[in-house]
Protein backbone atom coordinates (compact mmCIF):
# COMPACT_ATOMS: atom_id res chain seq x y z
CA MET A 1 -0.23 0.14 0.33
CA LYS A 2 2.83 2.33 0.94
CA THR A 3 4.65 1.53 -2.38
CA ASP A 4 1.67 2.62 -4.06
CA HIS A 5 1.42 5.87 -2.37
CA LEU A 6 4.95 6.52 -3.10
CA LEU A 7 4.33 5.55 -7.06
CA ASN A 8 1.22 8.13 -7.57
CA PHE A 9 3.04 10.93 -5.14
CA ALA A 10 6.03 10.39 -7.88
CA ARG A 11 3.81 10.33 -11.14
CA TYR A 12 2.07 13.71 -9.90
CA VAL A 13 5.36 15.14 -9.25
CA LEU A 14 6.77 14.42 -12.68
CA TYR A 15 3.02 15.81 -14.14
CA ALA A 16 3.39 18.86 -12.36
CA ILE A 17 7.14 19.34 -13.17
CA ILE A 18 6.61 18.66 -16.94
CA LEU A 19 3.23 20.93 -16.65
CA VAL A 20 5.89 23.68 -15.52
CA ILE A 21 8.15 23.01 -18.02
CA PHE A 22 5.66 23.36 -21.06
CA VAL A 23 3.11 26.06 -19.29
CA GLY A 24 5.82 28.06 -17.91
CA PRO A 25 7.53 29.67 -20.88
CA PHE A 26 3.87 30.55 -21.77
CA TRP A 27 2.73 31.60 -19.15
CA GLY A 28 5.64 34.28 -18.64
CA ALA A 29 4.89 35.67 -22.40
CA VAL A 30 1.50 36.09 -20.79
CA VAL A 31 2.83 37.97 -17.84
CA THR A 32 5.31 40.17 -19.85
CA ALA A 33 2.25 41.18 -22.22
CA PHE A 34 -0.07 42.30 -19.69
CA SER A 35 2.77 44.42 -17.52
CA GLY A 36 3.09 47.78 -18.12
CA VAL A 37 6.29 47.93 -17.10
CA SER A 38 9.49 46.45 -18.47
CA LEU A 39 10.59 43.62 -16.17
CA LYS A 40 14.26 43.26 -15.82
CA PRO A 41 16.25 40.63 -17.28
CA GLY A 42 16.21 37.61 -14.58
CA GLU A 43 13.29 39.06 -12.83
CA LEU A 44 10.03 36.37 -12.34
CA THR A 45 6.96 37.18 -11.58
CA LEU A 46 3.49 35.26 -11.98
CA ILE A 47 1.32 37.80 -12.10
CA PRO A 48 1.26 41.28 -14.24
CA HIS A 49 3.05 44.49 -12.67
CA ASN A 50 0.35 47.15 -13.71
CA PRO A 51 -1.85 45.29 -15.68
CA THR A 52 -2.27 46.91 -18.94
CA LEU A 53 -3.93 46.24 -22.52
CA GLU A 54 -1.79 49.38 -24.14
CA ASN A 55 0.73 46.60 -25.06
CA PHE A 56 -1.37 45.10 -27.39
CA ARG A 57 -2.86 48.26 -28.61
CA ILE A 58 0.67 49.22 -29.59
CA ALA A 59 0.99 46.40 -31.08
CA ILE A 60 -1.97 45.35 -33.28
CA PHE A 61 -2.08 49.13 -34.03
CA ASP A 62 1.36 51.35 -34.00
CA MET A 63 3.26 48.96 -35.08
CA ASN A 64 1.07 47.26 -37.93
CA VAL A 65 0.64 43.96 -36.48
CA TRP A 66 -3.37 44.03 -38.14
CA ARG A 67 -1.83 44.34 -40.95
CA TYR A 68 0.18 41.89 -41.42
CA LEU A 69 -2.41 39.66 -39.36
CA THR A 70 -4.65 40.19 -42.14
CA ASN A 71 -2.37 39.11 -44.63
CA SER A 72 -1.44 35.67 -43.01
CA ILE A 73 -4.88 35.02 -43.02
CA ILE A 74 -5.93 35.30 -46.66
CA VAL A 75 -3.34 33.43 -47.46
CA VAL A 76 -3.43 30.25 -44.23
CA VAL A 77 -7.52 30.59 -45.07
CA VAL A 78 -6.70 30.11 -49.05
CA GLY A 79 -3.38 27.88 -48.95
CA THR A 80 -5.30 25.69 -46.20
CA THR A 81 -8.32 24.88 -48.18
CA LEU A 82 -6.44 24.11 -51.53
CA GLN A 83 -4.09 22.00 -49.48
CA VAL A 84 -6.91 20.09 -48.29
CA VAL A 85 -8.79 19.87 -51.99
CA VAL A 86 -5.53 18.74 -53.82
CA SER A 87 -4.72 16.54 -51.05
CA ALA A 88 -8.47 15.00 -51.33
CA LEU A 89 -8.14 14.25 -54.70
CA ALA A 90 -4.44 13.32 -54.72
CA ALA A 91 -5.19 10.89 -52.10
CA TYR A 92 -8.04 9.49 -53.63
CA ALA A 93 -6.29 8.53 -57.06
CA LEU A 94 -3.31 6.93 -55.22
CA ALA A 95 -5.51 4.92 -52.94
CA ARG A 96 -8.25 4.08 -55.05
CA LYS A 97 -6.98 3.87 -58.56
CA LYS A 98 -4.25 1.74 -60.53
CA PHE A 99 -3.07 3.35 -63.18
CA ARG A 100 0.62 2.75 -64.69
CA GLY A 101 3.53 4.95 -62.99
CA ALA A 102 1.51 5.31 -59.41
CA ALA A 103 4.59 4.09 -57.58
CA VAL A 104 6.72 6.65 -59.43
CA VAL A 105 4.22 9.34 -58.66
CA SER A 106 4.13 8.38 -54.88
CA LEU A 107 7.95 8.24 -54.91
CA LEU A 108 8.42 11.56 -56.15
CA ILE A 109 6.00 12.97 -53.81
CA LEU A 110 8.20 11.23 -51.28
CA CYS A 111 11.07 12.53 -51.88
CA THR A 112 9.84 16.20 -51.52
CA LEU A 113 9.76 15.26 -48.03
CA MET A 114 12.97 14.58 -47.95
CA LEU A 115 14.46 17.63 -49.27
CA PRO A 116 14.69 20.59 -46.67
CA GLU A 117 13.08 23.91 -47.26
CA GLU A 118 16.38 25.40 -47.54
CA VAL A 119 17.29 23.60 -50.84
CA ILE A 120 14.37 24.33 -52.89
CA ALA A 121 14.51 28.29 -51.68
CA ILE A 122 16.58 29.61 -54.71
CA PRO A 123 14.77 27.16 -57.52
CA LEU A 124 11.71 28.18 -55.93
CA TYR A 125 12.79 31.79 -55.38
CA LEU A 126 14.09 32.25 -59.69
CA VAL A 127 10.39 30.16 -60.56
CA ILE A 128 8.23 32.39 -59.36
CA GLN A 129 10.08 35.63 -60.01
CA LYS A 130 10.07 34.56 -63.62
CA GLU A 131 6.84 36.25 -65.47
CA ILE A 132 3.79 33.20 -66.28
CA PRO A 133 4.02 32.55 -70.45
CA ILE A 134 1.57 33.64 -72.30
CA ILE A 135 0.00 35.89 -70.05
CA ASN A 136 3.40 37.82 -69.35
CA VAL A 137 2.31 38.60 -65.86
CA SER A 138 4.40 37.42 -62.66
CA ILE A 139 3.07 36.47 -59.06
CA TYR A 140 6.18 37.35 -57.02
CA ASN A 141 5.47 39.80 -54.50
CA THR A 142 1.68 38.18 -54.40
CA TYR A 143 -0.51 36.18 -52.19
CA LEU A 144 -0.18 33.19 -54.87
CA ALA A 145 3.60 33.43 -54.53
CA MET A 146 2.96 31.98 -50.46
CA ILE A 147 0.55 30.12 -51.08
CA LEU A 148 1.02 28.11 -54.34
CA PRO A 149 4.27 26.15 -53.39
CA ALA A 150 1.90 25.34 -49.72
CA VAL A 151 -0.83 23.36 -51.62
CA GLY A 152 0.80 19.90 -52.42
CA TRP A 153 1.79 18.67 -49.64
CA ALA A 154 3.36 15.25 -49.26
CA PHE A 155 2.76 15.01 -45.65
CA SER A 156 -0.93 15.52 -45.86
CA ILE A 157 -1.15 13.62 -49.38
CA PHE A 158 0.00 10.28 -47.81
CA MET A 159 -1.85 10.80 -44.78
CA LEU A 160 -5.10 10.52 -46.50
CA THR A 161 -3.70 8.09 -48.86
CA GLU A 162 -2.99 5.70 -46.29
CA PHE A 163 -7.05 6.03 -44.52
CA MET A 164 -8.11 5.81 -47.94
CA ARG A 165 -6.43 3.01 -48.76
CA ALA A 166 -7.97 0.98 -45.48
CA ILE A 167 -11.62 1.81 -46.62
CA PRO A 168 -13.40 -1.66 -48.02
CA LEU A 169 -13.62 -1.87 -51.68
CA GLU A 170 -16.99 -3.28 -51.36
CA LEU A 171 -18.40 0.27 -50.04
CA GLU A 172 -17.28 1.79 -53.06
CA GLU A 173 -18.71 -1.55 -55.26
CA ALA A 174 -21.84 -0.76 -53.33
CA ALA A 175 -22.35 2.72 -54.31
CA ARG A 176 -21.00 2.39 -58.04
CA ILE A 177 -23.65 -0.68 -58.76
CA ASP A 178 -26.66 1.89 -57.25
CA GLY A 179 -25.26 4.41 -60.22
CA ALA A 180 -23.29 6.43 -58.16
CA SER A 181 -20.98 8.47 -60.53
CA GLU A 182 -17.10 8.82 -59.63
CA TRP A 183 -17.20 12.37 -58.38
CA GLN A 184 -20.32 11.26 -55.94
CA ILE A 185 -18.33 8.23 -54.56
CA PHE A 186 -15.45 10.18 -53.51
CA LEU A 187 -17.54 13.35 -52.17
CA ARG A 188 -20.54 11.27 -50.81
CA VAL A 189 -18.63 7.92 -49.85
CA ILE A 190 -14.83 8.18 -49.38
CA LEU A 191 -14.86 11.87 -47.95
CA PRO A 192 -17.60 11.31 -45.21
CA LEU A 193 -15.49 8.43 -44.02
CA VAL A 194 -12.15 10.17 -43.33
CA ARG A 195 -13.44 13.45 -42.25
CA PRO A 196 -11.10 12.60 -38.95
CA ALA A 197 -7.91 12.40 -41.29
CA LEU A 198 -9.81 15.53 -43.11
CA GLY A 199 -9.59 17.84 -39.64
CA THR A 200 -5.91 16.56 -39.06
CA VAL A 201 -4.62 17.56 -41.92
CA LEU A 202 -6.40 21.10 -41.62
CA ILE A 203 -4.50 21.88 -38.56
CA PHE A 204 -1.55 20.08 -39.52
CA GLY A 205 -2.04 22.67 -42.70
CA PHE A 206 -3.10 25.34 -41.15
CA ILE A 207 -0.23 25.61 -38.53
CA MET A 208 2.42 25.15 -41.45
CA ILE A 209 1.40 27.56 -43.41
CA TRP A 210 0.86 30.22 -40.45
CA ASP A 211 4.76 29.62 -39.16
CA GLN A 212 6.04 29.71 -42.62
CA TYR A 213 9.10 32.21 -42.32
CA LEU A 214 11.30 31.38 -45.42
CA LEU A 215 9.11 31.32 -47.95
CA PRO A 216 7.47 34.56 -47.78
CA LEU A 217 10.72 36.10 -47.09
CA ILE A 218 12.25 35.23 -50.59
CA VAL A 219 9.29 35.94 -52.65
CA VAL A 220 7.43 39.07 -50.87
CA ASN A 221 9.51 42.16 -50.70
CA ASP A 222 6.70 44.72 -49.97
CA LYS A 223 6.20 45.74 -46.22
CA ASN A 224 2.52 45.28 -46.60
CA MET A 225 2.59 41.82 -47.91
CA MET A 226 4.54 40.78 -45.13
CA THR A 227 2.88 37.77 -42.98
CA LEU A 228 3.29 37.61 -39.30
CA PRO A 229 6.50 35.49 -38.77
CA VAL A 230 7.92 37.33 -41.16
CA ALA A 231 7.05 41.06 -39.73
CA LEU A 232 7.86 40.10 -36.66
CA ALA A 233 11.28 39.11 -37.16
CA SER A 234 11.64 42.69 -38.53
CA LEU A 235 10.36 43.97 -34.98
CA ARG A 236 12.91 42.01 -33.08
CA VAL A 237 15.75 44.15 -34.57
CA ASP A 238 13.78 47.44 -33.94
CA ASP A 239 15.43 48.67 -30.31
CA THR A 240 12.85 51.00 -30.46
CA ILE A 241 9.73 48.32 -29.28
CA THR A 242 9.98 47.15 -25.57
CA PRO A 243 9.83 43.21 -25.26
CA ASN A 244 6.29 43.77 -23.79
CA ILE A 245 5.04 44.73 -27.17
CA LEU A 246 7.26 42.32 -28.92
CA VAL A 247 5.82 39.63 -26.51
CA ALA A 248 2.16 41.27 -27.11
CA ALA A 249 2.26 40.65 -31.07
CA THR A 250 3.93 37.46 -30.54
CA LEU A 251 0.80 36.06 -28.67
CA VAL A 252 -1.68 37.44 -30.96
CA ALA A 253 0.17 35.77 -33.72
CA MET A 254 -0.34 32.75 -31.69
CA ALA A 255 -3.82 33.07 -31.32
CA PRO A 256 -5.26 31.84 -34.43
CA SER A 257 -3.39 28.33 -34.40
CA VAL A 258 -5.15 27.66 -30.73
CA ILE A 259 -8.78 28.41 -31.72
CA VAL A 260 -8.33 26.55 -34.75
CA TYR A 261 -6.86 23.44 -32.85
CA LEU A 262 -9.83 24.17 -30.08
CA LEU A 263 -12.44 24.25 -32.76
CA LEU A 264 -11.12 21.09 -34.58
CA GLN A 265 -9.88 19.35 -31.59
CA ARG A 266 -12.50 16.20 -31.57
CA GLN A 267 -11.49 15.60 -35.03
CA PHE A 268 -8.16 16.00 -34.47
CA ASN A 269 -7.74 13.71 -31.60
CA ARG A 270 -9.87 10.99 -33.18
CA GLY A 271 -7.36 11.60 -36.84
CA ILE A 272 -4.78 10.83 -34.46
CA MET A 273 -6.00 7.76 -32.40
CA ALA A 274 -7.02 6.18 -35.89
CA GLY A 275 -3.86 6.55 -37.43
CA ALA A 276 -2.29 4.66 -34.33
CA VAL A 277 -4.57 2.12 -34.50
CA LYS A 278 -3.60 1.39 -38.19
CA GLY A 279 0.31 1.37 -37.24
């Protein structure tokens, strides 16, 4: 009995340590953002000094963070939507259709996961900077330059492919016997069954596009087109901005990812659990 109590005590102590490690830095950021005075280096406090929202007001309006936030929202909403659509269509073709060269296509998609982002940065910059033939228009310095490279994400394609392969062929054959077209099978049979995976892909895709730094940095040079990660990096080197304001801007940048996760938490957990069962 005493051994069980000691094990439970040790377990709770371990939980508390893990909680402090992960929650501590975030709470420190919250305290700093809401403090009306700047803390000295090494000074710790659990509650804000002179609580105020002035840091957020300065960050959002005076530092033009609202503009960068708008840019990020446009890029991430359009990019994530297109990414889910393209990934679902590609996964359906790879998982449910037999065609010559399917293995080669899968291998090429897999290769994109093996290449670091820095390796393709220069080729990507050269391609985006050139004008599109016939219409003679360049997408450089536009939202499309930040959206299109993120649309075909190999991770989401492979994840949806594995989920679709696990769907019994009998369901598809029964729908086809009932007169369903290919699009009807895809939309009414396949997609509803992979909804948990779609939620997981949506969250990962949202975070991936939202946190992108290198891509917006090389395809956009207009300050008004900056996304939040690039803008925050530029604000860090500005000596006129206090740490409180910078941390407030960082919390603003974190908020959309947290909100999306909370909204899609159930689908995300189902997708992760289903993936674990398949594994």
